[in-house]
Amino acid sequence: MTETTNVLAFRQPSAVDDPLTDIVRAGARDLLARAIEIEVGAFLASTANLTLPDGRARLVRHGHGPVREIATGIGPVEVARPKVRDRGASGPGDRLCFSSAILPLWARRTKSLDALIPVLYLRGISTGDFQEAL
């Protein structure tokens, strides 16, 4: 006897076929990149008076960190954090570092998701229906 089974492909949440969602993610990625670039520019402008003995700027742009995904309400958004190099630091305590207020070094998801996850979890436990809570 031959058994026939229907196999349905499980749709991954990260694989969205919706062009509108793709546009929103691309817009969020561009907006975040611009905001962080403005923040780096403001930091470098505020420290422009710091120079090396030969007259060059002490703090300079130094590329970007590795691309990482930030979990947001619209799904994961990839972002690369800009880096600033301190050319005049004589030791670890003398080094000036850029730290973004928008995108902290440790951030992996937005604060709204951090607040939402425990609420959804507790709602799922209390009702016994995790699917509906999510």
N, C-alpha and C. Protein backbone atom coordinates (compact mmCIF):
# COMPACT_ATOMS: atom_id res chain seq x y z
N MET A 1 0.83 -1.15 0.00
CA MET A 1 0.00 0.00 0.00
C MET A 1 0.89 1.24 0.00
N THR A 2 0.59 2.19 -0.83
CA THR A 2 1.39 3.41 -0.97
C THR A 2 0.74 4.54 -0.18
N GLU A 3 1.55 5.16 0.66
CA GLU A 3 1.04 6.30 1.41
C GLU A 3 1.41 7.58 0.68
N THR A 4 0.47 8.45 0.61
CA THR A 4 0.76 9.76 0.03
C THR A 4 0.69 10.79 1.16
N THR A 5 1.71 11.58 1.23
CA THR A 5 1.74 12.61 2.27
C THR A 5 1.90 13.97 1.61
N ASN A 6 1.25 14.89 2.18
CA ASN A 6 1.38 16.27 1.70
C ASN A 6 2.40 16.98 2.57
N VAL A 7 3.42 17.47 1.94
CA VAL A 7 4.45 18.19 2.65
C VAL A 7 4.31 19.66 2.31
N LEU A 8 4.09 20.45 3.33
CA LEU A 8 3.99 21.88 3.14
C LEU A 8 5.27 22.54 3.60
N ALA A 9 5.75 23.46 2.81
CA ALA A 9 6.97 24.16 3.18
C ALA A 9 6.66 25.12 4.33
N PHE A 10 7.49 25.05 5.36
CA PHE A 10 7.32 25.94 6.50
C PHE A 10 7.89 27.30 6.15
N ARG A 11 7.07 28.30 6.22
CA ARG A 11 7.50 29.65 5.86
C ARG A 11 8.26 30.27 7.02
N GLN A 12 9.48 30.67 6.75
CA GLN A 12 10.32 31.29 7.77
C GLN A 12 9.88 32.74 7.97
N PRO A 13 9.84 33.22 9.21
CA PRO A 13 9.44 34.61 9.46
C PRO A 13 10.39 35.62 8.82
N SER A 14 11.66 35.26 8.66
CA SER A 14 12.61 36.19 8.07
C SER A 14 12.48 36.27 6.55
N ALA A 15 11.84 35.28 5.93
CA ALA A 15 11.66 35.27 4.49
C ALA A 15 10.27 35.82 4.16
N VAL A 16 10.22 37.10 3.91
CA VAL A 16 8.94 37.76 3.63
C VAL A 16 8.83 37.99 2.13
N ASP A 17 7.69 37.65 1.58
CA ASP A 17 7.48 37.84 0.15
C ASP A 17 6.76 39.15 -0.14
N ASP A 18 6.59 39.97 0.86
CA ASP A 18 5.85 41.20 0.73
C ASP A 18 6.78 42.34 0.32
N PRO A 19 6.58 42.93 -0.87
CA PRO A 19 7.46 44.01 -1.30
C PRO A 19 7.36 45.26 -0.40
N LEU A 20 6.19 45.48 0.18
CA LEU A 20 6.02 46.64 1.07
C LEU A 20 6.91 46.50 2.31
N THR A 21 6.98 45.31 2.87
CA THR A 21 7.84 45.07 4.03
C THR A 21 9.31 45.26 3.66
N ASP A 22 9.69 44.81 2.47
CA ASP A 22 11.07 45.01 2.01
C ASP A 22 11.40 46.49 1.89
N ILE A 23 10.46 47.28 1.40
CA ILE A 23 10.67 48.73 1.26
C ILE A 23 10.80 49.37 2.64
N VAL A 24 9.95 48.96 3.58
CA VAL A 24 10.00 49.52 4.93
C VAL A 24 11.33 49.18 5.60
N ARG A 25 11.80 47.94 5.43
CA ARG A 25 13.09 47.55 6.02
C ARG A 25 14.24 48.33 5.40
N ALA A 26 14.20 48.49 4.08
CA ALA A 26 15.25 49.26 3.41
C ALA A 26 15.23 50.71 3.87
N GLY A 27 14.05 51.28 4.03
CA GLY A 27 13.94 52.65 4.52
C GLY A 27 14.44 52.78 5.95
N ALA A 28 14.12 51.80 6.78
CA ALA A 28 14.59 51.82 8.18
C ALA A 28 16.11 51.70 8.22
N ARG A 29 16.67 50.84 7.38
CA ARG A 29 18.12 50.66 7.33
C ARG A 29 18.80 51.96 6.89
N ASP A 30 18.26 52.62 5.86
CA ASP A 30 18.85 53.87 5.37
C ASP A 30 18.71 54.99 6.40
N LEU A 31 17.55 55.08 7.04
CA LEU A 31 17.32 56.11 8.05
C LEU A 31 18.25 55.93 9.25
N LEU A 32 18.42 54.69 9.69
CA LEU A 32 19.31 54.40 10.81
C LEU A 32 20.76 54.71 10.45
N ALA A 33 21.17 54.35 9.24
CA ALA A 33 22.54 54.63 8.80
C ALA A 33 22.79 56.13 8.75
N ARG A 34 21.83 56.90 8.21
CA ARG A 34 21.98 58.35 8.15
C ARG A 34 22.05 58.97 9.54
N ALA A 35 21.19 58.52 10.43
CA ALA A 35 21.16 59.07 11.79
C ALA A 35 22.48 58.81 12.51
N ILE A 36 23.04 57.63 12.34
CA ILE A 36 24.31 57.31 13.00
C ILE A 36 25.46 58.09 12.37
N GLU A 37 25.42 58.27 11.04
CA GLU A 37 26.45 59.08 10.37
C GLU A 37 26.41 60.52 10.87
N ILE A 38 25.22 61.07 11.07
CA ILE A 38 25.08 62.43 11.60
C ILE A 38 25.64 62.49 13.02
N GLU A 39 25.37 61.45 13.80
CA GLU A 39 25.87 61.40 15.17
C GLU A 39 27.40 61.35 15.20
N VAL A 40 28.00 60.57 14.30
CA VAL A 40 29.47 60.50 14.22
C VAL A 40 30.04 61.84 13.77
N GLY A 41 29.38 62.46 12.78
CA GLY A 41 29.84 63.77 12.31
C GLY A 41 29.79 64.82 13.41
N ALA A 42 28.74 64.80 14.22
CA ALA A 42 28.62 65.75 15.33
C ALA A 42 29.72 65.49 16.37
N PHE A 43 30.02 64.21 16.64
CA PHE A 43 31.08 63.87 17.59
C PHE A 43 32.43 64.36 17.08
N LEU A 44 32.72 64.13 15.80
CA LEU A 44 33.99 64.56 15.23
C LEU A 44 34.08 66.09 15.18
N ALA A 45 32.96 66.76 14.91
CA ALA A 45 32.96 68.22 14.90
C ALA A 45 33.20 68.79 16.29
N SER A 46 32.66 68.13 17.31
CA SER A 46 32.85 68.62 18.68
C SER A 46 34.27 68.41 19.18
N THR A 47 35.00 67.49 18.56
CA THR A 47 36.38 67.22 18.97
C THR A 47 37.38 67.70 17.91
N ALA A 48 36.94 68.56 16.99
CA ALA A 48 37.82 69.02 15.91
C ALA A 48 38.99 69.85 16.42
N ASN A 49 38.85 70.44 17.59
CA ASN A 49 39.95 71.25 18.13
C ASN A 49 41.09 70.40 18.68
N LEU A 50 40.89 69.11 18.85
CA LEU A 50 41.95 68.22 19.32
C LEU A 50 42.83 67.82 18.13
N THR A 51 44.09 68.18 18.20
CA THR A 51 45.00 67.87 17.10
C THR A 51 46.26 67.20 17.64
N LEU A 52 46.98 66.58 16.75
CA LEU A 52 48.27 65.98 17.06
C LEU A 52 49.35 67.06 16.99
N PRO A 53 50.55 66.82 17.51
CA PRO A 53 51.62 67.83 17.44
C PRO A 53 51.95 68.29 16.02
N ASP A 54 51.72 67.44 15.02
CA ASP A 54 52.01 67.84 13.64
C ASP A 54 50.83 68.54 12.97
N GLY A 55 49.73 68.78 13.70
CA GLY A 55 48.60 69.55 13.16
C GLY A 55 47.46 68.71 12.62
N ARG A 56 47.66 67.42 12.50
CA ARG A 56 46.57 66.56 12.00
C ARG A 56 45.52 66.36 13.08
N ALA A 57 44.31 65.99 12.65
CA ALA A 57 43.22 65.74 13.60
C ALA A 57 43.53 64.49 14.43
N ARG A 58 43.21 64.59 15.71
CA ARG A 58 43.46 63.45 16.60
C ARG A 58 42.45 62.33 16.37
N LEU A 59 41.19 62.68 16.18
CA LEU A 59 40.13 61.69 15.95
C LEU A 59 39.74 61.68 14.48
N VAL A 60 39.71 60.50 13.89
CA VAL A 60 39.35 60.35 12.49
C VAL A 60 38.40 59.18 12.31
N ARG A 61 37.66 59.20 11.21
CA ARG A 61 36.81 58.05 10.87
C ARG A 61 37.69 56.85 10.58
N HIS A 62 37.21 55.68 10.93
CA HIS A 62 38.02 54.47 10.74
C HIS A 62 37.15 53.32 10.22
N GLY A 63 36.35 53.61 9.23
CA GLY A 63 35.52 52.57 8.61
C GLY A 63 34.29 52.23 9.43
N HIS A 64 33.86 50.98 9.28
CA HIS A 64 32.67 50.49 9.97
C HIS A 64 32.98 49.17 10.66
N GLY A 65 32.22 48.89 11.71
CA GLY A 65 32.30 47.60 12.37
C GLY A 65 31.57 46.57 11.52
N PRO A 66 31.57 45.33 11.94
CA PRO A 66 30.87 44.29 11.18
C PRO A 66 29.37 44.55 11.15
N VAL A 67 28.74 44.14 10.07
CA VAL A 67 27.29 44.28 9.93
C VAL A 67 26.62 43.33 10.91
N ARG A 68 25.62 43.84 11.64
CA ARG A 68 24.86 42.99 12.56
C ARG A 68 23.39 43.27 12.39
N GLU A 69 22.58 42.33 12.82
CA GLU A 69 21.14 42.47 12.70
C GLU A 69 20.57 42.96 14.03
N ILE A 70 19.69 43.95 13.93
CA ILE A 70 18.97 44.46 15.07
C ILE A 70 17.52 44.02 14.90
N ALA A 71 16.99 43.31 15.88
CA ALA A 71 15.60 42.85 15.83
C ALA A 71 14.69 44.04 16.11
N THR A 72 13.77 44.31 15.20
CA THR A 72 12.82 45.41 15.36
C THR A 72 11.41 44.88 15.17
N GLY A 73 10.44 45.76 15.31
CA GLY A 73 9.05 45.38 15.13
C GLY A 73 8.71 45.00 13.70
N ILE A 74 9.50 45.46 12.73
CA ILE A 74 9.25 45.12 11.33
C ILE A 74 10.14 43.98 10.86
N GLY A 75 10.87 43.39 11.79
CA GLY A 75 11.77 42.30 11.46
C GLY A 75 13.21 42.75 11.61
N PRO A 76 14.15 41.87 11.30
CA PRO A 76 15.56 42.22 11.48
C PRO A 76 16.01 43.27 10.48
N VAL A 77 16.79 44.24 10.97
CA VAL A 77 17.36 45.29 10.13
C VAL A 77 18.87 45.23 10.30
N GLU A 78 19.58 45.14 9.18
CA GLU A 78 21.04 45.06 9.22
C GLU A 78 21.62 46.47 9.33
N VAL A 79 22.64 46.60 10.16
CA VAL A 79 23.29 47.90 10.36
C VAL A 79 24.77 47.69 10.61
N ALA A 80 25.57 48.62 10.09
CA ALA A 80 27.01 48.62 10.34
C ALA A 80 27.34 49.87 11.16
N ARG A 81 27.97 49.69 12.29
CA ARG A 81 28.28 50.79 13.19
C ARG A 81 29.59 51.46 12.77
N PRO A 82 29.59 52.80 12.58
CA PRO A 82 30.83 53.49 12.21
C PRO A 82 31.84 53.48 13.36
N LYS A 83 33.11 53.50 13.00
CA LYS A 83 34.17 53.49 14.01
C LYS A 83 34.96 54.79 13.92
N VAL A 84 35.47 55.22 15.06
CA VAL A 84 36.32 56.42 15.15
C VAL A 84 37.63 55.98 15.78
N ARG A 85 38.72 56.46 15.20
CA ARG A 85 40.05 56.09 15.70
C ARG A 85 40.69 57.29 16.39
N ASP A 86 41.26 57.05 17.55
CA ASP A 86 41.99 58.07 18.30
C ASP A 86 43.47 57.86 18.03
N ARG A 87 44.06 58.74 17.22
CA ARG A 87 45.46 58.59 16.83
C ARG A 87 46.43 59.14 17.87
N GLY A 88 45.92 59.86 18.85
CA GLY A 88 46.82 60.50 19.80
C GLY A 88 46.80 59.93 21.18
N ALA A 89 46.15 58.81 21.39
CA ALA A 89 46.06 58.22 22.73
C ALA A 89 47.41 57.61 23.11
N SER A 90 47.89 57.95 24.29
CA SER A 90 49.16 57.39 24.75
C SER A 90 48.95 56.10 25.53
N GLY A 91 47.72 55.90 26.04
CA GLY A 91 47.43 54.68 26.80
C GLY A 91 45.94 54.42 26.80
N PRO A 92 45.53 53.29 27.38
CA PRO A 92 44.10 52.95 27.38
C PRO A 92 43.22 53.98 28.10
N GLY A 93 43.71 54.61 29.14
CA GLY A 93 42.91 55.59 29.88
C GLY A 93 42.81 56.93 29.18
N ASP A 94 43.69 57.17 28.22
CA ASP A 94 43.74 58.45 27.51
C ASP A 94 42.91 58.42 26.22
N ARG A 95 42.43 57.28 25.84
CA ARG A 95 41.73 57.10 24.56
C ARG A 95 40.32 57.68 24.61
N LEU A 96 39.96 58.45 23.57
CA LEU A 96 38.60 58.95 23.41
C LEU A 96 37.85 57.97 22.51
N CYS A 97 36.67 57.57 22.93
CA CYS A 97 35.89 56.59 22.18
C CYS A 97 34.55 57.19 21.78
N PHE A 98 34.08 56.80 20.60
CA PHE A 98 32.74 57.19 20.16
C PHE A 98 31.78 56.09 20.58
N SER A 99 30.72 56.47 21.28
CA SER A 99 29.66 55.52 21.60
C SER A 99 28.34 56.15 21.18
N SER A 100 27.63 55.46 20.36
CA SER A 100 26.38 55.96 19.80
C SER A 100 25.26 55.89 20.83
N ALA A 101 24.49 56.96 20.95
CA ALA A 101 23.31 56.95 21.80
C ALA A 101 22.15 56.25 21.09
N ILE A 102 22.17 56.27 19.77
CA ILE A 102 21.11 55.63 18.98
C ILE A 102 21.28 54.13 18.95
N LEU A 103 22.51 53.69 18.69
CA LEU A 103 22.81 52.27 18.55
C LEU A 103 23.95 51.88 19.47
N PRO A 104 23.65 51.52 20.72
CA PRO A 104 24.72 51.10 21.64
C PRO A 104 25.44 49.85 21.11
N LEU A 105 26.66 49.69 21.54
CA LEU A 105 27.48 48.57 21.08
C LEU A 105 26.86 47.22 21.39
N TRP A 106 26.16 47.11 22.50
CA TRP A 106 25.60 45.84 22.96
C TRP A 106 24.20 45.56 22.41
N ALA A 107 23.56 46.53 21.76
CA ALA A 107 22.15 46.39 21.34
C ALA A 107 21.98 45.33 20.25
N ARG A 108 21.06 44.44 20.46
CA ARG A 108 20.72 43.42 19.46
C ARG A 108 19.24 43.47 19.07
N ARG A 109 18.44 44.22 19.86
CA ARG A 109 17.04 44.41 19.53
C ARG A 109 16.58 45.75 20.10
N THR A 110 15.49 46.26 19.57
CA THR A 110 15.00 47.56 20.02
C THR A 110 14.40 47.45 21.41
N LYS A 111 14.32 48.59 22.10
CA LYS A 111 13.77 48.60 23.45
C LYS A 111 12.30 48.21 23.46
N SER A 112 11.58 48.54 22.38
CA SER A 112 10.17 48.17 22.33
C SER A 112 10.00 46.65 22.32
N LEU A 113 10.91 45.93 21.67
CA LEU A 113 10.83 44.46 21.69
C LEU A 113 11.24 43.92 23.05
N ASP A 114 12.21 44.56 23.70
CA ASP A 114 12.61 44.13 25.05
C ASP A 114 11.44 44.21 26.02
N ALA A 115 10.61 45.23 25.87
CA ALA A 115 9.45 45.39 26.75
C ALA A 115 8.32 44.46 26.34
N LEU A 116 8.22 44.16 25.05
CA LEU A 116 7.11 43.36 24.54
C LEU A 116 7.27 41.87 24.82
N ILE A 117 8.48 41.36 24.79
CA ILE A 117 8.70 39.91 24.94
C ILE A 117 8.18 39.38 26.27
N PRO A 118 8.49 40.00 27.42
CA PRO A 118 7.94 39.46 28.68
C PRO A 118 6.42 39.54 28.75
N VAL A 119 5.84 40.60 28.19
CA VAL A 119 4.38 40.72 28.20
C VAL A 119 3.74 39.61 27.39
N LEU A 120 4.28 39.35 26.21
CA LEU A 120 3.73 38.27 25.38
C LEU A 120 3.92 36.91 26.05
N TYR A 121 5.05 36.71 26.68
CA TYR A 121 5.31 35.45 27.35
C TYR A 121 4.32 35.24 28.49
N LEU A 122 4.12 36.27 29.32
CA LEU A 122 3.18 36.13 30.44
C LEU A 122 1.74 35.95 29.96
N ARG A 123 1.39 36.65 28.89
CA ARG A 123 0.04 36.49 28.34
C ARG A 123 -0.14 35.07 27.81
N GLY A 124 0.89 34.54 27.18
CA GLY A 124 0.82 33.17 26.68
C GLY A 124 0.70 32.15 27.80
N ILE A 125 1.40 32.38 28.92
CA ILE A 125 1.30 31.47 30.06
C ILE A 125 -0.08 31.55 30.69
N SER A 126 -0.59 32.77 30.85
CA SER A 126 -1.88 32.92 31.54
C SER A 126 -3.04 32.38 30.71
N THR A 127 -3.00 32.53 29.41
CA THR A 127 -4.10 32.04 28.58
C THR A 127 -3.86 30.62 28.09
N GLY A 128 -2.61 30.19 28.10
CA GLY A 128 -2.29 28.86 27.61
C GLY A 128 -2.22 28.79 26.09
N ASP A 129 -2.33 29.92 25.44
CA ASP A 129 -2.30 29.94 23.96
C ASP A 129 -1.19 30.87 23.50
N PHE A 130 -0.02 30.30 23.25
CA PHE A 130 1.13 31.11 22.84
C PHE A 130 0.97 31.67 21.44
N GLN A 131 0.32 30.92 20.55
CA GLN A 131 0.13 31.40 19.18
C GLN A 131 -0.66 32.69 19.14
N GLU A 132 -1.72 32.74 19.91
CA GLU A 132 -2.56 33.94 19.92
C GLU A 132 -1.81 35.11 20.54
N ALA A 133 -1.03 34.86 21.58
CA ALA A 133 -0.26 35.93 22.23
C ALA A 133 0.80 36.50 21.31
N LEU A 134 1.41 35.64 20.50
CA LEU A 134 2.44 36.11 19.58
C LEU A 134 1.81 36.73 18.36
